[in-house]
Amino acid sequence: MNLNGDDPAVRQALVDAGERYTAAGSQLEQARTVRQYALARETALEGLAYARAARIALGLDPGPDLPPLAAAQGVGHLTKEREVAVQGQRFKAGPQPGADTPYYYPGGRVQGRPVPAGWYSQPLWKPALAGAAGAIGGLLIFDALFSPAFADPGYGFDAGYAEGFEDGSTDAAGSDYGGDFGGGDF
């Protein structure tokens, strides 16, 4: 409640934390079942994740680790900066806030696609941005940002092709896959 800053990443993280604070309070007020209380807890944890992100953007100690968000199980976090162009627009993502990456996302799934925690150039996960065209565009952007052939520095088409060719030409013992299949018994 006492954090403030002029940096866009700080302001956005604090706005998101405030929204979750308000939502969690409302959810707690209306909760009557274990599931409703669990959802309120998840919302409160999201708010704390955004407050933690604001502290990081301010250069402060982020505080203690938080329990993992249920929605973020298995999605990981960004470890290097990524930049792609999709449909004529540039999108960036990275592990740290920056002038080009002011939107923090604590990790989760967007339309079933895992999206790691990190800082993004646009809040592509927000439902208001995901109209019919936005939803497809968002998936293209996420695929481009997180596919090795597109976004991993130093890992382009040629490296992926060569790696795939090597993987497909031999099995673990080094033998090839050619030959007779034993008269149809696989």
N, C-alpha and C. Protein backbone atom coordinates (compact mmCIF):
# COMPACT_ATOMS: atom_id res chain seq x y z
N MET A 1 0.83 -1.20 0.00
CA MET A 1 0.00 0.00 0.00
C MET A 1 0.87 1.26 0.00
N ASN A 2 2.12 1.14 0.46
CA ASN A 2 2.98 2.32 0.57
C ASN A 2 3.98 2.45 -0.57
N LEU A 3 3.93 1.56 -1.53
CA LEU A 3 4.87 1.63 -2.65
C LEU A 3 4.36 2.64 -3.67
N ASN A 4 5.29 3.34 -4.30
CA ASN A 4 4.94 4.19 -5.42
C ASN A 4 6.18 4.43 -6.26
N GLY A 5 5.98 4.82 -7.48
CA GLY A 5 7.08 5.09 -8.39
C GLY A 5 6.56 5.60 -9.71
N ASP A 6 7.43 6.26 -10.45
CA ASP A 6 7.04 6.85 -11.73
C ASP A 6 7.32 5.93 -12.91
N ASP A 7 8.15 4.93 -12.70
CA ASP A 7 8.49 4.00 -13.78
C ASP A 7 7.24 3.27 -14.23
N PRO A 8 7.01 3.13 -15.54
CA PRO A 8 5.80 2.44 -16.02
C PRO A 8 5.64 1.02 -15.49
N ALA A 9 6.75 0.29 -15.34
CA ALA A 9 6.66 -1.09 -14.82
C ALA A 9 6.17 -1.08 -13.38
N VAL A 10 6.64 -0.13 -12.58
CA VAL A 10 6.21 -0.03 -11.18
C VAL A 10 4.73 0.32 -11.12
N ARG A 11 4.34 1.35 -11.87
CA ARG A 11 2.94 1.78 -11.86
C ARG A 11 2.01 0.66 -12.28
N GLN A 12 2.36 -0.06 -13.36
CA GLN A 12 1.49 -1.12 -13.86
C GLN A 12 1.39 -2.26 -12.85
N ALA A 13 2.52 -2.65 -12.26
CA ALA A 13 2.49 -3.73 -11.27
C ALA A 13 1.65 -3.33 -10.06
N LEU A 14 1.74 -2.08 -9.65
CA LEU A 14 0.93 -1.62 -8.51
C LEU A 14 -0.55 -1.55 -8.85
N VAL A 15 -0.87 -1.16 -10.07
CA VAL A 15 -2.28 -1.16 -10.51
C VAL A 15 -2.82 -2.59 -10.46
N ASP A 16 -2.05 -3.53 -11.01
CA ASP A 16 -2.48 -4.92 -11.01
C ASP A 16 -2.61 -5.47 -9.59
N ALA A 17 -1.66 -5.12 -8.71
CA ALA A 17 -1.73 -5.56 -7.31
C ALA A 17 -2.98 -4.99 -6.64
N GLY A 18 -3.27 -3.72 -6.89
CA GLY A 18 -4.45 -3.09 -6.32
C GLY A 18 -5.75 -3.73 -6.78
N GLU A 19 -5.79 -4.08 -8.08
CA GLU A 19 -6.98 -4.75 -8.62
C GLU A 19 -7.20 -6.09 -7.92
N ARG A 20 -6.12 -6.85 -7.72
CA ARG A 20 -6.24 -8.15 -7.06
C ARG A 20 -6.62 -7.99 -5.59
N TYR A 21 -6.11 -6.95 -4.95
CA TYR A 21 -6.46 -6.68 -3.55
C TYR A 21 -7.97 -6.45 -3.41
N THR A 22 -8.48 -5.60 -4.28
CA THR A 22 -9.92 -5.31 -4.27
C THR A 22 -10.74 -6.56 -4.59
N ALA A 23 -10.31 -7.30 -5.61
CA ALA A 23 -11.04 -8.51 -6.01
C ALA A 23 -11.01 -9.56 -4.91
N ALA A 24 -9.85 -9.74 -4.27
CA ALA A 24 -9.74 -10.75 -3.20
C ALA A 24 -10.65 -10.38 -2.03
N GLY A 25 -10.72 -9.09 -1.70
CA GLY A 25 -11.61 -8.65 -0.63
C GLY A 25 -13.06 -8.95 -0.94
N SER A 26 -13.45 -8.68 -2.16
CA SER A 26 -14.83 -8.95 -2.59
C SER A 26 -15.11 -10.45 -2.59
N GLN A 27 -14.15 -11.24 -3.08
CA GLN A 27 -14.34 -12.69 -3.10
C GLN A 27 -14.47 -13.25 -1.69
N LEU A 28 -13.65 -12.75 -0.77
CA LEU A 28 -13.72 -13.21 0.62
C LEU A 28 -15.06 -12.87 1.25
N GLU A 29 -15.54 -11.68 0.95
CA GLU A 29 -16.82 -11.23 1.49
C GLU A 29 -17.97 -12.14 1.06
N GLN A 30 -17.88 -12.64 -0.17
CA GLN A 30 -18.98 -13.43 -0.73
C GLN A 30 -18.76 -14.93 -0.61
N ALA A 31 -17.58 -15.36 -0.21
CA ALA A 31 -17.25 -16.79 -0.19
C ALA A 31 -18.09 -17.55 0.83
N ARG A 32 -18.59 -18.72 0.40
CA ARG A 32 -19.36 -19.60 1.28
C ARG A 32 -18.89 -21.04 1.21
N THR A 33 -18.09 -21.35 0.19
CA THR A 33 -17.63 -22.73 0.02
C THR A 33 -16.09 -22.77 0.06
N VAL A 34 -15.56 -23.96 0.25
CA VAL A 34 -14.11 -24.14 0.26
C VAL A 34 -13.52 -23.67 -1.07
N ARG A 35 -14.17 -24.01 -2.17
CA ARG A 35 -13.69 -23.61 -3.51
C ARG A 35 -13.66 -22.09 -3.65
N GLN A 36 -14.67 -21.40 -3.15
CA GLN A 36 -14.71 -19.94 -3.24
C GLN A 36 -13.59 -19.32 -2.40
N TYR A 37 -13.32 -19.90 -1.23
CA TYR A 37 -12.21 -19.41 -0.42
C TYR A 37 -10.87 -19.68 -1.11
N ALA A 38 -10.75 -20.81 -1.77
CA ALA A 38 -9.52 -21.13 -2.49
C ALA A 38 -9.28 -20.14 -3.63
N LEU A 39 -10.35 -19.77 -4.32
CA LEU A 39 -10.22 -18.78 -5.40
C LEU A 39 -9.82 -17.41 -4.85
N ALA A 40 -10.37 -17.04 -3.70
CA ALA A 40 -9.99 -15.78 -3.07
C ALA A 40 -8.51 -15.81 -2.68
N ARG A 41 -8.05 -16.94 -2.17
CA ARG A 41 -6.64 -17.09 -1.81
C ARG A 41 -5.76 -16.92 -3.04
N GLU A 42 -6.15 -17.55 -4.13
CA GLU A 42 -5.38 -17.45 -5.38
C GLU A 42 -5.31 -16.00 -5.86
N THR A 43 -6.41 -15.29 -5.78
CA THR A 43 -6.43 -13.89 -6.18
C THR A 43 -5.52 -13.06 -5.28
N ALA A 44 -5.56 -13.32 -3.97
CA ALA A 44 -4.69 -12.60 -3.04
C ALA A 44 -3.21 -12.90 -3.34
N LEU A 45 -2.90 -14.16 -3.65
CA LEU A 45 -1.51 -14.51 -3.99
C LEU A 45 -1.07 -13.82 -5.29
N GLU A 46 -1.98 -13.71 -6.26
CA GLU A 46 -1.65 -12.97 -7.48
C GLU A 46 -1.31 -11.53 -7.15
N GLY A 47 -2.12 -10.92 -6.27
CA GLY A 47 -1.85 -9.55 -5.87
C GLY A 47 -0.49 -9.40 -5.21
N LEU A 48 -0.15 -10.36 -4.35
CA LEU A 48 1.16 -10.33 -3.71
C LEU A 48 2.28 -10.51 -4.74
N ALA A 49 2.05 -11.33 -5.76
CA ALA A 49 3.04 -11.52 -6.82
C ALA A 49 3.27 -10.20 -7.57
N TYR A 50 2.19 -9.45 -7.81
CA TYR A 50 2.33 -8.15 -8.48
C TYR A 50 3.02 -7.14 -7.57
N ALA A 51 2.72 -7.16 -6.26
CA ALA A 51 3.41 -6.27 -5.33
C ALA A 51 4.90 -6.60 -5.28
N ARG A 52 5.21 -7.87 -5.31
CA ARG A 52 6.60 -8.33 -5.35
C ARG A 52 7.29 -7.85 -6.63
N ALA A 53 6.57 -7.91 -7.75
CA ALA A 53 7.11 -7.43 -9.03
C ALA A 53 7.39 -5.93 -8.96
N ALA A 54 6.50 -5.17 -8.33
CA ALA A 54 6.71 -3.73 -8.18
C ALA A 54 7.97 -3.47 -7.35
N ARG A 55 8.17 -4.24 -6.30
CA ARG A 55 9.37 -4.09 -5.46
C ARG A 55 10.64 -4.38 -6.29
N ILE A 56 10.58 -5.39 -7.12
CA ILE A 56 11.72 -5.70 -7.99
C ILE A 56 11.98 -4.54 -8.95
N ALA A 57 10.91 -4.01 -9.55
CA ALA A 57 11.04 -2.89 -10.49
C ALA A 57 11.59 -1.64 -9.80
N LEU A 58 11.32 -1.51 -8.51
CA LEU A 58 11.86 -0.39 -7.74
C LEU A 58 13.29 -0.62 -7.26
N GLY A 59 13.79 -1.83 -7.47
CA GLY A 59 15.13 -2.16 -7.01
C GLY A 59 15.18 -2.50 -5.53
N LEU A 60 14.04 -2.85 -4.95
CA LEU A 60 13.95 -3.21 -3.53
C LEU A 60 14.01 -4.72 -3.36
N ASP A 61 14.29 -5.14 -2.15
CA ASP A 61 14.22 -6.56 -1.82
C ASP A 61 12.77 -7.01 -2.06
N PRO A 62 12.56 -8.06 -2.85
CA PRO A 62 11.19 -8.48 -3.15
C PRO A 62 10.46 -9.10 -1.97
N GLY A 63 11.18 -9.43 -0.92
CA GLY A 63 10.54 -10.07 0.22
C GLY A 63 10.59 -11.57 0.08
N PRO A 64 9.91 -12.26 1.00
CA PRO A 64 9.98 -13.73 1.00
C PRO A 64 9.29 -14.33 -0.24
N ASP A 65 9.71 -15.55 -0.58
CA ASP A 65 9.05 -16.26 -1.66
C ASP A 65 7.59 -16.49 -1.31
N LEU A 66 6.77 -16.52 -2.32
CA LEU A 66 5.33 -16.76 -2.14
C LEU A 66 5.02 -18.22 -2.47
N PRO A 67 3.94 -18.73 -1.92
CA PRO A 67 3.49 -20.06 -2.37
C PRO A 67 3.19 -19.99 -3.87
N PRO A 68 3.44 -21.07 -4.58
CA PRO A 68 3.18 -21.03 -6.03
C PRO A 68 1.69 -20.86 -6.33
N LEU A 69 1.42 -20.13 -7.39
CA LEU A 69 0.04 -19.97 -7.86
C LEU A 69 -0.41 -21.28 -8.50
N ALA A 70 -1.63 -21.67 -8.23
CA ALA A 70 -2.17 -22.89 -8.84
C ALA A 70 -2.15 -22.79 -10.36
N ALA A 71 -2.49 -21.62 -10.88
CA ALA A 71 -2.55 -21.42 -12.33
C ALA A 71 -1.18 -21.45 -12.98
N ALA A 72 -0.13 -21.24 -12.21
CA ALA A 72 1.22 -21.17 -12.76
C ALA A 72 2.01 -22.47 -12.62
N GLN A 73 1.36 -23.53 -12.14
CA GLN A 73 2.05 -24.80 -11.97
C GLN A 73 2.62 -25.28 -13.30
N GLY A 74 3.92 -25.50 -13.34
CA GLY A 74 4.56 -26.08 -14.51
C GLY A 74 4.83 -25.13 -15.66
N VAL A 75 4.61 -23.82 -15.50
CA VAL A 75 4.84 -22.92 -16.63
C VAL A 75 6.20 -22.24 -16.58
N GLY A 76 6.85 -22.23 -15.42
CA GLY A 76 8.19 -21.67 -15.30
C GLY A 76 8.22 -20.16 -15.36
N HIS A 77 9.41 -19.63 -15.63
CA HIS A 77 9.59 -18.18 -15.72
C HIS A 77 10.65 -17.89 -16.80
N LEU A 78 10.59 -16.70 -17.33
CA LEU A 78 11.54 -16.31 -18.37
C LEU A 78 12.93 -16.17 -17.78
N THR A 79 13.93 -16.64 -18.51
CA THR A 79 15.31 -16.54 -18.05
C THR A 79 16.17 -15.69 -18.97
N LYS A 80 15.64 -15.34 -20.15
CA LYS A 80 16.38 -14.48 -21.07
C LYS A 80 15.39 -13.63 -21.86
N GLU A 81 15.90 -12.54 -22.40
CA GLU A 81 15.04 -11.64 -23.17
C GLU A 81 14.72 -12.26 -24.52
N ARG A 82 13.50 -11.97 -24.96
CA ARG A 82 13.04 -12.47 -26.25
C ARG A 82 12.35 -11.33 -26.98
N GLU A 83 12.46 -11.33 -28.30
CA GLU A 83 11.79 -10.32 -29.12
C GLU A 83 11.39 -10.96 -30.43
N VAL A 84 10.15 -10.74 -30.84
CA VAL A 84 9.66 -11.29 -32.10
C VAL A 84 8.80 -10.26 -32.81
N ALA A 85 8.62 -10.48 -34.11
CA ALA A 85 7.69 -9.68 -34.90
C ALA A 85 6.58 -10.62 -35.36
N VAL A 86 5.33 -10.24 -35.08
CA VAL A 86 4.18 -11.02 -35.49
C VAL A 86 3.18 -10.07 -36.10
N GLN A 87 2.78 -10.37 -37.31
CA GLN A 87 1.79 -9.56 -38.03
C GLN A 87 2.17 -8.08 -38.01
N GLY A 88 3.45 -7.81 -38.24
CA GLY A 88 3.93 -6.43 -38.35
C GLY A 88 4.15 -5.70 -37.04
N GLN A 89 3.96 -6.35 -35.91
CA GLN A 89 4.18 -5.73 -34.61
C GLN A 89 5.32 -6.42 -33.89
N ARG A 90 6.07 -5.66 -33.09
CA ARG A 90 7.17 -6.21 -32.30
C ARG A 90 6.69 -6.46 -30.88
N PHE A 91 7.06 -7.62 -30.34
CA PHE A 91 6.71 -8.01 -28.98
C PHE A 91 7.98 -8.42 -28.26
N LYS A 92 8.06 -8.01 -27.00
CA LYS A 92 9.23 -8.34 -26.20
C LYS A 92 8.78 -9.00 -24.90
N ALA A 93 9.68 -9.80 -24.34
CA ALA A 93 9.46 -10.42 -23.05
C ALA A 93 10.83 -10.66 -22.42
N GLY A 94 10.87 -10.67 -21.10
CA GLY A 94 12.14 -10.91 -20.43
C GLY A 94 11.98 -11.14 -18.95
N PRO A 95 13.07 -11.49 -18.29
CA PRO A 95 13.01 -11.79 -16.85
C PRO A 95 13.00 -10.55 -15.97
N GLN A 96 13.36 -9.38 -16.52
CA GLN A 96 13.44 -8.15 -15.74
C GLN A 96 12.56 -7.06 -16.37
N PRO A 97 12.07 -6.14 -15.54
CA PRO A 97 11.29 -5.03 -16.09
C PRO A 97 12.19 -4.10 -16.90
N GLY A 98 11.60 -3.43 -17.85
CA GLY A 98 12.34 -2.47 -18.66
C GLY A 98 11.39 -1.50 -19.32
N ALA A 99 11.94 -0.51 -19.99
CA ALA A 99 11.11 0.48 -20.67
C ALA A 99 10.19 -0.18 -21.71
N ASP A 100 10.67 -1.25 -22.34
CA ASP A 100 9.88 -1.95 -23.37
C ASP A 100 9.07 -3.11 -22.80
N THR A 101 9.28 -3.44 -21.53
CA THR A 101 8.57 -4.57 -20.92
C THR A 101 8.00 -4.16 -19.55
N PRO A 102 6.96 -3.32 -19.55
CA PRO A 102 6.41 -2.83 -18.28
C PRO A 102 5.31 -3.70 -17.66
N TYR A 103 4.90 -4.76 -18.35
CA TYR A 103 3.77 -5.56 -17.86
C TYR A 103 4.26 -6.88 -17.29
N TYR A 104 4.01 -7.07 -16.00
CA TYR A 104 4.40 -8.31 -15.35
C TYR A 104 3.26 -9.32 -15.42
N TYR A 105 3.64 -10.59 -15.61
CA TYR A 105 2.66 -11.67 -15.58
C TYR A 105 3.24 -12.76 -14.67
N PRO A 106 2.50 -13.18 -13.63
CA PRO A 106 3.05 -14.15 -12.68
C PRO A 106 3.10 -15.58 -13.19
N GLY A 107 2.74 -15.79 -14.44
CA GLY A 107 2.73 -17.12 -15.03
C GLY A 107 1.36 -17.75 -14.95
N GLY A 108 1.04 -18.54 -15.93
CA GLY A 108 -0.26 -19.20 -15.96
C GLY A 108 -0.53 -19.74 -17.35
N ARG A 109 -1.77 -20.02 -17.59
CA ARG A 109 -2.18 -20.56 -18.90
C ARG A 109 -3.13 -19.57 -19.56
N VAL A 110 -2.87 -19.31 -20.82
CA VAL A 110 -3.72 -18.44 -21.61
C VAL A 110 -4.27 -19.28 -22.74
N GLN A 111 -5.57 -19.49 -22.73
CA GLN A 111 -6.25 -20.36 -23.69
C GLN A 111 -5.57 -21.72 -23.77
N GLY A 112 -5.20 -22.25 -22.60
CA GLY A 112 -4.60 -23.57 -22.50
C GLY A 112 -3.10 -23.60 -22.75
N ARG A 113 -2.54 -22.50 -23.21
CA ARG A 113 -1.10 -22.43 -23.53
C ARG A 113 -0.33 -21.95 -22.32
N PRO A 114 0.72 -22.67 -21.87
CA PRO A 114 1.51 -22.19 -20.74
C PRO A 114 2.27 -20.91 -21.10
N VAL A 115 2.16 -19.92 -20.24
CA VAL A 115 2.88 -18.66 -20.43
C VAL A 115 3.70 -18.41 -19.17
N PRO A 116 5.03 -18.38 -19.31
CA PRO A 116 5.88 -18.25 -18.12
C PRO A 116 5.79 -16.87 -17.46
N ALA A 117 6.15 -16.85 -16.19
CA ALA A 117 6.21 -15.59 -15.45
C ALA A 117 7.31 -14.72 -16.06
N GLY A 118 7.06 -13.44 -16.11
CA GLY A 118 8.06 -12.52 -16.64
C GLY A 118 7.44 -11.18 -16.98
N TRP A 119 8.23 -10.36 -17.62
CA TRP A 119 7.83 -9.01 -17.99
C TRP A 119 7.61 -8.97 -19.50
N TYR A 120 6.50 -8.35 -19.92
CA TYR A 120 6.08 -8.37 -21.32
C TYR A 120 5.84 -6.95 -21.84
N SER A 121 5.95 -6.80 -23.16
CA SER A 121 5.73 -5.48 -23.77
C SER A 121 4.25 -5.11 -23.82
N GLN A 122 3.38 -6.10 -23.80
CA GLN A 122 1.94 -5.87 -23.81
C GLN A 122 1.26 -6.92 -22.92
N PRO A 123 0.12 -6.57 -22.33
CA PRO A 123 -0.58 -7.54 -21.48
C PRO A 123 -1.44 -8.48 -22.32
N LEU A 124 -0.79 -9.37 -23.05
CA LEU A 124 -1.47 -10.24 -24.01
C LEU A 124 -2.43 -11.23 -23.37
N TRP A 125 -2.33 -11.43 -22.08
CA TRP A 125 -3.15 -12.42 -21.36
C TRP A 125 -4.48 -11.86 -20.91
N LYS A 126 -4.68 -10.55 -21.02
CA LYS A 126 -5.92 -9.96 -20.52
C LYS A 126 -7.08 -10.27 -21.46
N PRO A 127 -8.22 -10.68 -20.92
CA PRO A 127 -9.37 -11.05 -21.75
C PRO A 127 -9.86 -9.93 -22.66
N ALA A 128 -9.74 -8.70 -22.26
CA ALA A 128 -10.22 -7.59 -23.08
C ALA A 128 -9.47 -7.51 -24.40
N LEU A 129 -8.25 -8.01 -24.42
CA LEU A 129 -7.44 -7.97 -25.63
C LEU A 129 -7.66 -9.19 -26.51
N ALA A 130 -8.42 -10.16 -26.01
CA ALA A 130 -8.51 -11.44 -26.69
C ALA A 130 -9.81 -11.62 -27.45
N GLY A 131 -10.20 -10.63 -28.24
CA GLY A 131 -11.34 -10.81 -29.13
C GLY A 131 -11.01 -11.92 -30.09
N ALA A 132 -11.86 -12.20 -31.05
CA ALA A 132 -11.64 -13.31 -31.97
C ALA A 132 -10.26 -13.22 -32.64
N ALA A 133 -9.94 -12.08 -33.19
CA ALA A 133 -8.64 -11.92 -33.84
C ALA A 133 -7.53 -11.86 -32.81
N GLY A 134 -7.79 -11.23 -31.67
CA GLY A 134 -6.78 -11.10 -30.63
C GLY A 134 -6.39 -12.44 -30.04
N ALA A 135 -7.36 -13.33 -29.91
CA ALA A 135 -7.07 -14.64 -29.34
C ALA A 135 -6.11 -15.41 -30.23
N ILE A 136 -6.39 -15.41 -31.53
CA ILE A 136 -5.51 -16.10 -32.47
C ILE A 136 -4.17 -15.40 -32.53
N GLY A 137 -4.19 -14.07 -32.58
CA GLY A 137 -2.95 -13.30 -32.60
C GLY A 137 -2.14 -13.55 -31.36
N GLY A 138 -2.80 -13.63 -30.19
CA GLY A 138 -2.10 -13.89 -28.94
C GLY A 138 -1.41 -15.23 -28.96
N LEU A 139 -2.08 -16.24 -29.50
CA LEU A 139 -1.46 -17.57 -29.59
C LEU A 139 -0.26 -17.54 -30.52
N LEU A 140 -0.37 -16.81 -31.63
CA LEU A 140 0.76 -16.69 -32.54
C LEU A 140 1.94 -16.00 -31.85
N ILE A 141 1.63 -14.97 -31.08
CA ILE A 141 2.68 -14.25 -30.38
C ILE A 141 3.35 -15.14 -29.35
N PHE A 142 2.54 -15.87 -28.55
CA PHE A 142 3.12 -16.77 -27.55
C PHE A 142 3.94 -17.86 -28.22
N ASP A 143 3.44 -18.42 -29.33
CA ASP A 143 4.21 -19.45 -30.03
C ASP A 143 5.53 -18.87 -30.52
N ALA A 144 5.48 -17.66 -31.06
CA ALA A 144 6.71 -17.04 -31.57
C ALA A 144 7.68 -16.71 -30.43
N LEU A 145 7.15 -16.20 -29.32
CA LEU A 145 8.02 -15.83 -28.20
C LEU A 145 8.70 -17.05 -27.56
N PHE A 146 8.00 -18.17 -27.51
CA PHE A 146 8.51 -19.31 -26.75
C PHE A 146 8.94 -20.49 -27.59
N SER A 147 8.89 -20.38 -28.90
CA SER A 147 9.36 -21.45 -29.76
C SER A 147 10.84 -21.24 -30.03
N PRO A 148 11.67 -22.26 -29.84
CA PRO A 148 13.10 -22.09 -30.06
C PRO A 148 13.46 -21.57 -31.45
N ALA A 149 12.73 -21.99 -32.46
CA ALA A 149 13.06 -21.56 -33.81
C ALA A 149 12.86 -20.07 -34.01
N PHE A 150 12.01 -19.44 -33.21
CA PHE A 150 11.75 -18.02 -33.37
C PHE A 150 12.57 -17.15 -32.43
N ALA A 151 12.57 -17.47 -31.14
CA ALA A 151 13.00 -16.47 -30.17
C ALA A 151 14.28 -16.77 -29.41
N ASP A 152 14.72 -17.99 -29.36
CA ASP A 152 15.92 -18.24 -28.58
C ASP A 152 17.14 -17.70 -29.32
N PRO A 153 17.86 -16.78 -28.69
CA PRO A 153 19.05 -16.23 -29.34
C PRO A 153 20.04 -17.35 -29.70
N GLY A 154 20.52 -17.31 -30.92
CA GLY A 154 21.49 -18.30 -31.35
C GLY A 154 20.89 -19.64 -31.72
N TYR A 155 19.57 -19.73 -31.73
CA TYR A 155 18.94 -21.01 -32.05
C TYR A 155 17.93 -20.76 -33.16
N GLY A 156 18.38 -20.84 -34.38
CA GLY A 156 17.52 -20.56 -35.50
C GLY A 156 17.07 -21.82 -36.20
N PHE A 157 16.51 -21.65 -37.38
CA PHE A 157 15.98 -22.75 -38.16
C PHE A 157 17.04 -23.81 -38.43
N ASP A 158 18.24 -23.35 -38.85
CA ASP A 158 19.30 -24.30 -39.20
C ASP A 158 19.67 -25.20 -38.03
N ALA A 159 19.80 -24.62 -36.83
CA ALA A 159 20.16 -25.41 -35.65
C ALA A 159 19.06 -26.41 -35.32
N GLY A 160 17.82 -25.98 -35.41
CA GLY A 160 16.70 -26.88 -35.13
C GLY A 160 16.61 -28.00 -36.14
N TYR A 161 16.82 -27.68 -37.42
CA TYR A 161 16.77 -28.70 -38.46
C TYR A 161 17.86 -29.73 -38.24
N ALA A 162 19.09 -29.25 -37.99
CA ALA A 162 20.22 -30.16 -37.79
C ALA A 162 19.98 -31.05 -36.57
N GLU A 163 19.49 -30.45 -35.49
CA GLU A 163 19.22 -31.23 -34.28
C GLU A 163 18.15 -32.28 -34.53
N GLY A 164 17.09 -31.91 -35.21
CA GLY A 164 16.02 -32.85 -35.52
C GLY A 164 16.48 -33.95 -36.45
N PHE A 165 17.31 -33.60 -37.43
CA PHE A 165 17.83 -34.60 -38.35
C PHE A 165 18.67 -35.62 -37.60
N GLU A 166 19.52 -35.15 -36.69
CA GLU A 166 20.34 -36.06 -35.90
C GLU A 166 19.47 -36.95 -35.03
N ASP A 167 18.47 -36.38 -34.37
CA ASP A 167 17.58 -37.15 -33.51
C ASP A 167 16.83 -38.22 -34.30
N GLY A 168 16.44 -37.90 -35.51
CA GLY A 168 15.64 -38.84 -36.29
C GLY A 168 16.44 -39.90 -37.02
N SER A 169 17.74 -39.71 -37.17
CA SER A 169 18.52 -40.66 -37.96
C SER A 169 19.00 -41.86 -37.16
N THR A 170 19.08 -41.73 -35.85
CA THR A 170 19.54 -42.87 -35.04
C THR A 170 18.74 -42.95 -33.76
N ASP A 171 18.67 -44.17 -33.19
CA ASP A 171 18.03 -44.31 -31.88
C ASP A 171 19.11 -44.20 -30.81
N ALA A 172 18.79 -44.44 -29.56
CA ALA A 172 19.74 -44.29 -28.46
C ALA A 172 20.96 -45.19 -28.62
N ALA A 173 20.81 -46.35 -29.26
CA ALA A 173 21.94 -47.27 -29.42
C ALA A 173 22.76 -46.94 -30.65
N GLY A 174 22.29 -46.00 -31.47
CA GLY A 174 23.05 -45.59 -32.63
C GLY A 174 22.69 -46.36 -33.89
N SER A 175 21.67 -47.21 -33.86
CA SER A 175 21.31 -47.96 -35.06
C SER A 175 20.26 -47.20 -35.85
N ASP A 176 20.15 -47.57 -37.15
CA ASP A 176 19.14 -46.86 -37.95
C ASP A 176 17.80 -47.57 -37.84
N TYR A 177 16.76 -46.91 -38.38
CA TYR A 177 15.40 -47.44 -38.29
C TYR A 177 14.97 -48.16 -39.56
N GLY A 178 15.89 -48.36 -40.49
CA GLY A 178 15.52 -49.02 -41.73
C GLY A 178 15.35 -50.52 -41.52
N GLY A 179 14.93 -51.23 -42.61
CA GLY A 179 14.87 -52.68 -42.55
C GLY A 179 13.48 -53.23 -42.49
N ASP A 180 13.42 -54.53 -42.24
CA ASP A 180 12.18 -55.29 -42.25
C ASP A 180 11.48 -55.18 -40.91
N PHE A 181 10.18 -55.06 -40.93
CA PHE A 181 9.38 -54.97 -39.71
C PHE A 181 8.84 -56.34 -39.31
N GLY A 182 9.38 -57.40 -39.83
CA GLY A 182 8.98 -58.74 -39.41
C GLY A 182 7.62 -59.17 -39.92
N GLY A 183 7.33 -58.85 -41.16
CA GLY A 183 6.08 -59.31 -41.75
C GLY A 183 4.86 -58.64 -41.17
N GLY A 184 5.01 -57.44 -40.69
CA GLY A 184 3.86 -56.69 -40.20
C GLY A 184 3.69 -56.71 -38.70
N ASP A 185 4.48 -57.51 -37.98
CA ASP A 185 4.42 -57.50 -36.51
C ASP A 185 5.28 -56.36 -36.00
N PHE A 186 4.65 -55.36 -35.50
CA PHE A 186 5.42 -54.18 -35.05
C PHE A 186 5.82 -54.36 -33.62
